[in-house]
């Protein structure tokens, strides 16, 4: 009886061990295959993220600002915004006053409404032809912990495009009638400067898009990665735009001050 039991045990070991080994090998291979599939899926998901586009805007940006703690991001954005405002104020005041009446001033100043009219008209049209690119640089709500608008990025792209088209066209209309000595009805008011003030306010409202491009490396166009230095230059130019638009809008500003009894 002990001999039979021993033989049975031996027989079981002989036949069971290969089966168990085969089962373990199959399970191991299946686990490896599953792990490999998960890893491949992870790689595919990662490779689909394009830096500066869509969800890829949350990847570390070239400026590194979007990786800072949110309060520091907010402080950085506020500091840059203040710098833009201060630079624009200095340009529109002391800088322009220093050259006002000079040959270059008198030569260039009459062309400003035409230049800005064309720029903003073209930019407004681009809001519709390149809507995806503009949406990509429009910060979503919650950006920097302080940014919020009642509309989605796409709606913001569309309504600002409409205002840019209107403002640019209205400025060209005013500048063109002035250059051609065509009188306009008094009820229309100072057409060119009204358009300039409209575009001045709009430029302030869309400045967060330029800030977002810097802080998050957002691409515009979608396939173009812009280095931080270029974004910094663009933000500095924002001050120039604001200063020049403020200069063009002075008749409207003076009219408003007069109607409000401030002068």
C-alpha atoms as a PDB file:
ATOM      1  CA  UNK A   1       0.000   0.000   0.000  1.00  0.00           C
ATOM      2  CA  UNK A   2       2.752   2.487   0.793  1.00  0.00           C
ATOM      3  CA  UNK A   3       4.437   1.542  -2.464  1.00  0.00           C
ATOM      4  CA  UNK A   4       1.209   2.193  -4.434  1.00  0.00           C
ATOM      5  CA  UNK A   5       0.755   5.535  -2.729  1.00  0.00           C
ATOM      6  CA  UNK A   6       4.334   6.480  -3.474  1.00  0.00           C
ATOM      7  CA  UNK A   7       3.919   5.491  -7.108  1.00  0.00           C
ATOM      8  CA  UNK A   8       0.717   7.503  -7.344  1.00  0.00           C
ATOM      9  CA  UNK A   9       2.425  10.535  -5.885  1.00  0.00           C
ATOM     10  CA  UNK A  10       5.297  10.173  -8.310  1.00  0.00           C
ATOM     11  CA  UNK A  11       2.924   9.772 -11.226  1.00  0.00           C
ATOM     12  CA  UNK A  12       0.979  12.875 -10.157  1.00  0.00           C
ATOM     13  CA  UNK A  13       4.177  14.906  -9.893  1.00  0.00           C
ATOM     14  CA  UNK A  14       5.368  13.685 -13.289  1.00  0.00           C
ATOM     15  CA  UNK A  15       2.159  14.609 -15.076  1.00  0.00           C
ATOM     16  CA  UNK A  16       1.036  17.638 -13.020  1.00  0.00           C
ATOM     17  CA  UNK A  17       4.305  19.538 -13.052  1.00  0.00           C
ATOM     18  CA  UNK A  18       4.416  20.146 -16.831  1.00  0.00           C
ATOM     19  CA  UNK A  19       0.739  21.166 -16.788  1.00  0.00           C
ATOM     20  CA  UNK A  20       1.338  23.597 -13.948  1.00  0.00           C
ATOM     21  CA  UNK A  21       4.450  24.918 -15.630  1.00  0.00           C
ATOM     22  CA  UNK A  22       2.554  25.380 -18.856  1.00  0.00           C
ATOM     23  CA  UNK A  23      -0.256  27.169 -17.025  1.00  0.00           C
ATOM     24  CA  UNK A  24       2.215  29.455 -15.267  1.00  0.00           C
ATOM     25  CA  UNK A  25       3.989  30.184 -18.541  1.00  0.00           C
ATOM     26  CA  UNK A  26       0.684  30.992 -20.254  1.00  0.00           C
ATOM     27  CA  UNK A  27      -0.417  33.234 -17.389  1.00  0.00           C
ATOM     28  CA  UNK A  28       2.959  34.975 -17.342  1.00  0.00           C
ATOM     29  CA  UNK A  29       2.840  35.575 -21.069  1.00  0.00           C
ATOM     30  CA  UNK A  30      -0.730  36.858 -20.803  1.00  0.00           C
ATOM     31  CA  UNK A  31       0.282  39.216 -17.997  1.00  0.00           C
ATOM     32  CA  UNK A  32       3.236  40.426 -20.002  1.00  0.00           C
ATOM     33  CA  UNK A  33       1.037  40.891 -23.040  1.00  0.00           C
ATOM     34  CA  UNK A  34      -1.513  42.800 -20.985  1.00  0.00           C
ATOM     35  CA  UNK A  35       1.227  44.962 -19.481  1.00  0.00           C
ATOM     36  CA  UNK A  36       2.724  45.569 -22.881  1.00  0.00           C
ATOM     37  CA  UNK A  37      -0.684  46.529 -24.264  1.00  0.00           C
ATOM     38  CA  UNK A  38      -1.256  48.945 -21.390  1.00  0.00           C
ATOM     39  CA  UNK A  39       2.195  50.424 -21.894  1.00  0.00           C
ATOM     40  CA  UNK A  40       1.614  50.771 -25.640  1.00  0.00           C
ATOM     41  CA  UNK A  41      -1.719  52.432 -24.954  1.00  0.00           C
ATOM     42  CA  UNK A  42       0.005  54.827 -22.544  1.00  0.00           C
ATOM     43  CA  UNK A  43       2.640  55.623 -25.139  1.00  0.00           C
ATOM     44  CA  UNK A  44      -0.022  56.238 -27.786  1.00  0.00           C
ATOM     45  CA  UNK A  45      -1.975  58.567 -25.486  1.00  0.00           C
ATOM     46  CA  UNK A  46       1.215  60.440 -24.601  1.00  0.00           C
ATOM     47  CA  UNK A  47       2.344  60.684 -28.190  1.00  0.00           C
ATOM     48  CA  UNK A  48      -1.041  62.148 -29.159  1.00  0.00           C
ATOM     49  CA  UNK A  49      -0.431  65.161 -26.910  1.00  0.00           C
ATOM     50  CA  UNK A  50       1.153  67.910 -28.958  1.00  0.00           C
ATOM     51  CA  UNK A  51       2.887  70.548 -26.824  1.00  0.00           C
ATOM     52  CA  UNK A  52       1.060  73.851 -27.031  1.00  0.00           C
ATOM     53  CA  UNK A  53      -2.100  72.383 -28.566  1.00  0.00           C
ATOM     54  CA  UNK A  54      -5.283  71.396 -26.716  1.00  0.00           C
ATOM     55  CA  UNK A  55      -4.499  69.297 -23.646  1.00  0.00           C
ATOM     56  CA  UNK A  56      -0.824  69.642 -24.553  1.00  0.00           C
ATOM     57  CA  UNK A  57      -0.975  73.211 -23.258  1.00  0.00           C
ATOM     58  CA  UNK A  58      -0.785  71.733 -19.766  1.00  0.00           C
ATOM     59  CA  UNK A  59       2.555  70.113 -20.529  1.00  0.00           C
ATOM     60  CA  UNK A  60       5.595  72.080 -19.313  1.00  0.00           C
ATOM     61  CA  UNK A  61       5.736  75.189 -21.516  1.00  0.00           C
ATOM     62  CA  UNK A  62       8.975  76.680 -22.848  1.00  0.00           C
ATOM     63  CA  UNK A  63       8.607  79.579 -20.404  1.00  0.00           C
ATOM     64  CA  UNK A  64       7.925  77.178 -17.521  1.00  0.00           C
ATOM     65  CA  UNK A  65       5.321  79.549 -16.076  1.00  0.00           C
ATOM     66  CA  UNK A  66       2.474  77.026 -16.260  1.00  0.00           C
ATOM     67  CA  UNK A  67       4.419  74.711 -13.941  1.00  0.00           C
ATOM     68  CA  UNK A  68       4.617  77.280 -11.159  1.00  0.00           C
ATOM     69  CA  UNK A  69       2.177  77.129  -8.243  1.00  0.00           C
ATOM     70  CA  UNK A  70      -1.103  78.763  -9.248  1.00  0.00           C
ATOM     71  CA  UNK A  71      -0.642  81.826  -6.983  1.00  0.00           C
ATOM     72  CA  UNK A  72       2.752  82.471  -8.594  1.00  0.00           C
ATOM     73  CA  UNK A  73       1.220  82.098 -12.045  1.00  0.00           C
ATOM     74  CA  UNK A  74      -1.402  84.692 -11.130  1.00  0.00           C
ATOM     75  CA  UNK A  75       1.229  87.040  -9.703  1.00  0.00           C
ATOM     76  CA  UNK A  76       3.335  86.689 -12.860  1.00  0.00           C
ATOM     77  CA  UNK A  77       0.398  87.445 -15.143  1.00  0.00           C
ATOM     78  CA  UNK A  78      -0.668  90.443 -13.064  1.00  0.00           C
ATOM     79  CA  UNK A  79       2.896  91.804 -13.052  1.00  0.00           C
ATOM     80  CA  UNK A  80       3.171  91.500 -16.836  1.00  0.00           C
ATOM     81  CA  UNK A  81      -0.240  93.141 -17.271  1.00  0.00           C
ATOM     82  CA  UNK A  82       0.769  96.076 -15.090  1.00  0.00           C
ATOM     83  CA  UNK A  83       4.014  96.443 -17.045  1.00  0.00           C
ATOM     84  CA  UNK A  84       2.047  96.554 -20.324  1.00  0.00           C
ATOM     85  CA  UNK A  85      -0.211  99.264 -18.903  1.00  0.00           C
ATOM     86  CA  UNK A  86       2.666 101.344 -17.562  1.00  0.00           C
ATOM     87  CA  UNK A  87       4.594 101.136 -20.841  1.00  0.00           C
ATOM     88  CA  UNK A  88       1.486 102.093 -22.828  1.00  0.00           C
ATOM     89  CA  UNK A  89       0.876 105.083 -20.536  1.00  0.00           C
ATOM     90  CA  UNK A  90       4.450 106.304 -20.938  1.00  0.00           C
ATOM     91  CA  UNK A  91       4.227 105.985 -24.706  1.00  0.00           C
ATOM     92  CA  UNK A  92       0.857 107.706 -25.009  1.00  0.00           C
ATOM     93  CA  UNK A  93       1.974 110.539 -22.721  1.00  0.00           C
ATOM     94  CA  UNK A  94       5.583 111.721 -22.475  1.00  0.00           C
ATOM     95  CA  UNK A  95       6.926 109.773 -25.465  1.00  0.00           C
ATOM     96  CA  UNK A  96       4.312 110.958 -27.963  1.00  0.00           C
ATOM     97  CA  UNK A  97       4.378 114.493 -26.569  1.00  0.00           C
ATOM     98  CA  UNK A  98       8.138 114.619 -27.140  1.00  0.00           C
ATOM     99  CA  UNK A  99       7.800 113.937 -30.869  1.00  0.00           C
ATOM    100  CA  UNK A 100       4.419 115.479 -31.549  1.00  0.00           C
ATOM    101  CA  UNK A 101       4.652 118.043 -34.343  1.00  0.00           C
ATOM    102  CA  UNK A 102       7.919 116.680 -35.688  1.00  0.00           C
ATOM    103  CA  UNK A 103       8.374 115.816 -39.354  1.00  0.00           C
ATOM    104  CA  UNK A 104       8.108 112.065 -38.767  1.00  0.00           C
ATOM    105  CA  UNK A 105       5.064 112.538 -36.542  1.00  0.00           C
ATOM    106  CA  UNK A 106       3.252 114.653 -39.117  1.00  0.00           C
ATOM    107  CA  UNK A 107       4.204 112.191 -41.835  1.00  0.00           C
ATOM    108  CA  UNK A 108       3.115 109.026 -40.062  1.00  0.00           C
ATOM    109  CA  UNK A 109       0.243 110.103 -37.814  1.00  0.00           C
ATOM    110  CA  UNK A 110      -2.377 110.471 -40.607  1.00  0.00           C
ATOM    111  CA  UNK A 111      -1.681 106.901 -41.751  1.00  0.00           C
ATOM    112  CA  UNK A 112      -2.425 105.295 -38.394  1.00  0.00           C
ATOM    113  CA  UNK A 113      -6.195 104.884 -38.905  1.00  0.00           C
ATOM    114  CA  UNK A 114      -5.649 103.199 -42.264  1.00  0.00           C
ATOM    115  CA  UNK A 115      -2.991 100.880 -40.877  1.00  0.00           C
ATOM    116  CA  UNK A 116      -5.001  99.894 -37.818  1.00  0.00           C
ATOM    117  CA  UNK A 117      -8.213  99.614 -39.801  1.00  0.00           C
ATOM    118  CA  UNK A 118      -6.630  97.098 -42.152  1.00  0.00           C
ATOM    119  CA  UNK A 119      -4.882  95.198 -39.346  1.00  0.00           C
ATOM    120  CA  UNK A 120      -7.980  94.751 -37.226  1.00  0.00           C
ATOM    121  CA  UNK A 121     -10.240  94.029 -40.184  1.00  0.00           C
ATOM    122  CA  UNK A 122      -7.895  91.262 -41.341  1.00  0.00           C
ATOM    123  CA  UNK A 123      -7.519  89.949 -37.791  1.00  0.00           C
ATOM    124  CA  UNK A 124     -11.293  89.864 -37.368  1.00  0.00           C
ATOM    125  CA  UNK A 125     -11.729  87.821 -40.538  1.00  0.00           C
ATOM    126  CA  UNK A 126      -8.987  85.459 -39.341  1.00  0.00           C
ATOM    127  CA  UNK A 127     -11.024  84.784 -36.189  1.00  0.00           C
ATOM    128  CA  UNK A 128     -13.359  82.837 -38.468  1.00  0.00           C
ATOM    129  CA  UNK A 129     -10.926  81.379 -40.997  1.00  0.00           C
ATOM    130  CA  UNK A 130      -8.437  80.350 -38.265  1.00  0.00           C
ATOM    131  CA  UNK A 131     -10.938  79.813 -35.450  1.00  0.00           C
ATOM    132  CA  UNK A 132      -9.183  76.695 -34.108  1.00  0.00           C
ATOM    133  CA  UNK A 133      -5.881  78.535 -33.777  1.00  0.00           C
ATOM    134  CA  UNK A 134      -7.446  81.504 -31.994  1.00  0.00           C
ATOM    135  CA  UNK A 135      -9.377  79.182 -29.700  1.00  0.00           C
ATOM    136  CA  UNK A 136      -6.122  77.418 -28.841  1.00  0.00           C
ATOM    137  CA  UNK A 137      -4.595  80.635 -27.441  1.00  0.00           C
ATOM    138  CA  UNK A 138      -7.785  81.668 -25.640  1.00  0.00           C
ATOM    139  CA  UNK A 139      -7.396  80.795 -21.950  1.00  0.00           C
ATOM    140  CA  UNK A 140     -10.132  78.569 -20.515  1.00  0.00           C
ATOM    141  CA  UNK A 141     -11.879  79.585 -17.323  1.00  0.00           C
ATOM    142  CA  UNK A 142      -9.756  78.976 -14.247  1.00  0.00           C
ATOM    143  CA  UNK A 143      -6.463  79.694 -15.964  1.00  0.00           C
ATOM    144  CA  UNK A 144      -3.901  81.123 -13.501  1.00  0.00           C
ATOM    145  CA  UNK A 145      -6.588  80.701 -10.845  1.00  0.00           C
ATOM    146  CA  UNK A 146      -8.020  84.142 -11.655  1.00  0.00           C
ATOM    147  CA  UNK A 147      -9.250  84.168 -15.253  1.00  0.00           C
ATOM    148  CA  UNK A 148     -12.972  83.902 -15.926  1.00  0.00           C
ATOM    149  CA  UNK A 149     -15.415  84.911 -18.660  1.00  0.00           C
ATOM    150  CA  UNK A 150     -19.095  83.966 -19.016  1.00  0.00           C
ATOM    151  CA  UNK A 151     -18.435  82.441 -22.440  1.00  0.00           C
ATOM    152  CA  UNK A 152     -16.561  79.468 -23.837  1.00  0.00           C
ATOM    153  CA  UNK A 153     -13.235  80.016 -25.646  1.00  0.00           C
ATOM    154  CA  UNK A 154     -14.935  79.438 -29.019  1.00  0.00           C
ATOM    155  CA  UNK A 155     -17.632  82.041 -28.329  1.00  0.00           C
ATOM    156  CA  UNK A 156     -14.957  84.497 -27.186  1.00  0.00           C
ATOM    157  CA  UNK A 157     -13.104  83.964 -30.465  1.00  0.00           C
ATOM    158  CA  UNK A 158     -16.249  84.601 -32.504  1.00  0.00           C
ATOM    159  CA  UNK A 159     -17.574  87.713 -30.754  1.00  0.00           C
ATOM    160  CA  UNK A 160     -14.157  89.379 -30.601  1.00  0.00           C
ATOM    161  CA  UNK A 161     -13.773  88.644 -34.305  1.00  0.00           C
ATOM    162  CA  UNK A 162     -17.051  90.417 -35.011  1.00  0.00           C
ATOM    163  CA  UNK A 163     -15.942  93.470 -33.015  1.00  0.00           C
ATOM    164  CA  UNK A 164     -12.569  93.564 -34.776  1.00  0.00           C
ATOM    165  CA  UNK A 165     -14.252  93.440 -38.188  1.00  0.00           C
ATOM    166  CA  UNK A 166     -16.664  96.198 -37.232  1.00  0.00           C
ATOM    167  CA  UNK A 167     -13.990  98.342 -35.572  1.00  0.00           C
ATOM    168  CA  UNK A 168     -11.536  97.959 -38.428  1.00  0.00           C
ATOM    169  CA  UNK A 169     -14.155  98.654 -41.103  1.00  0.00           C
ATOM    170  CA  UNK A 170     -15.569 101.631 -39.179  1.00  0.00           C
ATOM    171  CA  UNK A 171     -12.104 103.096 -38.763  1.00  0.00           C
ATOM    172  CA  UNK A 172     -11.354 102.700 -42.469  1.00  0.00           C
ATOM    173  CA  UNK A 173     -14.696 104.319 -43.282  1.00  0.00           C
ATOM    174  CA  UNK A 174     -13.961 107.302 -41.056  1.00  0.00           C
ATOM    175  CA  UNK A 175     -10.390 107.703 -42.261  1.00  0.00           C
ATOM    176  CA  UNK A 176     -11.408 107.334 -45.889  1.00  0.00           C
ATOM    177  CA  UNK A 177     -14.163 109.950 -45.742  1.00  0.00           C
ATOM    178  CA  UNK A 178     -11.838 112.338 -43.920  1.00  0.00           C
ATOM    179  CA  UNK A 179      -9.084 111.881 -46.508  1.00  0.00           C
ATOM    180  CA  UNK A 180     -11.602 112.426 -49.322  1.00  0.00           C
ATOM    181  CA  UNK A 181     -13.097 115.494 -47.578  1.00  0.00           C
ATOM    182  CA  UNK A 182     -16.535 113.853 -47.522  1.00  0.00           C
ATOM    183  CA  UNK A 183     -18.647 115.322 -44.696  1.00  0.00           C
ATOM    184  CA  UNK A 184     -20.508 112.872 -42.484  1.00  0.00           C
ATOM    185  CA  UNK A 185     -23.749 113.454 -40.567  1.00  0.00           C
ATOM    186  CA  UNK A 186     -23.131 115.055 -37.181  1.00  0.00           C
ATOM    187  CA  UNK A 187     -25.099 112.270 -35.529  1.00  0.00           C
ATOM    188  CA  UNK A 188     -22.401 109.775 -36.429  1.00  0.00           C
ATOM    189  CA  UNK A 189     -19.949 111.608 -34.200  1.00  0.00           C
ATOM    190  CA  UNK A 190     -16.181 111.235 -34.570  1.00  0.00           C
ATOM    191  CA  UNK A 191     -16.244 107.969 -36.502  1.00  0.00           C
ATOM    192  CA  UNK A 192     -12.516 107.261 -36.606  1.00  0.00           C
ATOM    193  CA  UNK A 193     -11.886 107.951 -32.938  1.00  0.00           C
ATOM    194  CA  UNK A 194     -15.010 106.033 -31.896  1.00  0.00           C
ATOM    195  CA  UNK A 195     -13.646 103.016 -33.742  1.00  0.00           C
ATOM    196  CA  UNK A 196     -10.222 103.540 -32.146  1.00  0.00           C
ATOM    197  CA  UNK A 197     -11.688 103.604 -28.632  1.00  0.00           C
ATOM    198  CA  UNK A 198     -13.686 100.452 -29.394  1.00  0.00           C
ATOM    199  CA  UNK A 199     -10.537  98.657 -30.569  1.00  0.00           C
ATOM    200  CA  UNK A 200      -8.567 100.034 -27.609  1.00  0.00           C
ATOM    201  CA  UNK A 201     -11.008  98.432 -25.163  1.00  0.00           C
ATOM    202  CA  UNK A 202     -11.121  95.227 -27.187  1.00  0.00           C
ATOM    203  CA  UNK A 203      -7.329  95.004 -27.221  1.00  0.00           C
ATOM    204  CA  UNK A 204      -7.326  95.144 -23.427  1.00  0.00           C
ATOM    205  CA  UNK A 205      -9.908  92.349 -23.301  1.00  0.00           C
ATOM    206  CA  UNK A 206      -7.982  90.037 -25.636  1.00  0.00           C
ATOM    207  CA  UNK A 207      -4.562  90.603 -24.037  1.00  0.00           C
ATOM    208  CA  UNK A 208      -5.023  87.476 -21.853  1.00  0.00           C
ATOM    209  CA  UNK A 209      -4.738  85.421 -25.047  1.00  0.00           C
ATOM    210  CA  UNK A 210      -1.231  86.775 -25.616  1.00  0.00           C
ATOM    211  CA  UNK A 211      -0.387  86.137 -21.973  1.00  0.00           C
ATOM    212  CA  UNK A 212      -1.706  82.585 -22.243  1.00  0.00           C
ATOM    213  CA  UNK A 213       0.481  81.952 -25.294  1.00  0.00           C
ATOM    214  CA  UNK A 214       3.482  82.899 -23.156  1.00  0.00           C
ATOM    215  CA  UNK A 215       2.580  81.100 -19.942  1.00  0.00           C
ATOM    216  CA  UNK A 216       1.318  77.865 -21.528  1.00  0.00           C
ATOM    217  CA  UNK A 217       3.213  77.856 -24.821  1.00  0.00           C
ATOM    218  CA  UNK A 218      -0.094  77.831 -26.735  1.00  0.00           C
ATOM    219  CA  UNK A 219       0.492  77.587 -30.483  1.00  0.00           C
ATOM    220  CA  UNK A 220      -0.907  79.925 -33.102  1.00  0.00           C
ATOM    221  CA  UNK A 221      -1.126  78.639 -35.776  1.00  0.00           C
ATOM    222  CA  UNK A 222      -1.527  75.176 -34.321  1.00  0.00           C
ATOM    223  CA  UNK A 223       1.609  73.824 -35.997  1.00  0.00           C
ATOM    224  CA  UNK A 224       3.854  76.744 -35.028  1.00  0.00           C
ATOM    225  CA  UNK A 225       5.786  76.716 -31.751  1.00  0.00           C
ATOM    226  CA  UNK A 226       6.838  80.212 -30.720  1.00  0.00           C
ATOM    227  CA  UNK A 227       9.759  80.755 -28.310  1.00  0.00           C
ATOM    228  CA  UNK A 228       9.211  82.774 -25.112  1.00  0.00           C
ATOM    229  CA  UNK A 229      11.322  85.684 -26.413  1.00  0.00           C
ATOM    230  CA  UNK A 230       8.935  86.133 -29.342  1.00  0.00           C
ATOM    231  CA  UNK A 231       5.965  86.120 -26.966  1.00  0.00           C
ATOM    232  CA  UNK A 232       7.688  88.761 -24.824  1.00  0.00           C
ATOM    233  CA  UNK A 233       8.214  90.969 -27.882  1.00  0.00           C
ATOM    234  CA  UNK A 234       4.561  90.500 -28.852  1.00  0.00           C
ATOM    235  CA  UNK A 235       3.436  91.540 -25.371  1.00  0.00           C
ATOM    236  CA  UNK A 236       5.659  94.626 -25.510  1.00  0.00           C
ATOM    237  CA  UNK A 237       4.061  95.496 -28.856  1.00  0.00           C
ATOM    238  CA  UNK A 238       0.689  95.284 -27.092  1.00  0.00           C
ATOM    239  CA  UNK A 239       1.681  98.456 -25.244  1.00  0.00           C
ATOM    240  CA  UNK A 240       2.432 100.157 -28.562  1.00  0.00           C
ATOM    241  CA  UNK A 241      -0.971  99.154 -29.951  1.00  0.00           C
ATOM    242  CA  UNK A 242      -2.750 100.501 -26.894  1.00  0.00           C
ATOM    243  CA  UNK A 243      -0.816 103.772 -26.912  1.00  0.00           C
ATOM    244  CA  UNK A 244      -1.469 104.418 -30.601  1.00  0.00           C
ATOM    245  CA  UNK A 245      -5.163 103.519 -30.375  1.00  0.00           C
ATOM    246  CA  UNK A 246      -5.498 105.808 -27.348  1.00  0.00           C
ATOM    247  CA  UNK A 247      -3.940 108.615 -29.371  1.00  0.00           C
ATOM    248  CA  UNK A 248      -6.379 108.103 -32.254  1.00  0.00           C
ATOM    249  CA  UNK A 249      -9.338 107.982 -29.849  1.00  0.00           C
ATOM    250  CA  UNK A 250      -8.694 111.414 -28.306  1.00  0.00           C
ATOM    251  CA  UNK A 251     -11.592 113.225 -30.049  1.00  0.00           C
ATOM    252  CA  UNK A 252     -14.004 110.691 -28.560  1.00  0.00           C
ATOM    253  CA  UNK A 253     -12.347 110.997 -25.135  1.00  0.00           C
ATOM    254  CA  UNK A 254     -12.592 114.804 -25.250  1.00  0.00           C
ATOM    255  CA  UNK A 255     -16.216 114.587 -26.404  1.00  0.00           C
ATOM    256  CA  UNK A 256     -17.055 112.273 -23.511  1.00  0.00           C
ATOM    257  CA  UNK A 257     -15.316 114.552 -20.987  1.00  0.00           C
ATOM    258  CA  UNK A 258     -17.242 117.542 -22.343  1.00  0.00           C
ATOM    259  CA  UNK A 259     -20.594 115.734 -22.151  1.00  0.00           C
ATOM    260  CA  UNK A 260     -19.823 114.621 -18.614  1.00  0.00           C
ATOM    261  CA  UNK A 261     -18.933 118.178 -17.603  1.00  0.00           C
ATOM    262  CA  UNK A 262     -15.330 117.299 -16.838  1.00  0.00           C
ATOM    263  CA  UNK A 263     -13.987 120.096 -19.059  1.00  0.00           C
END
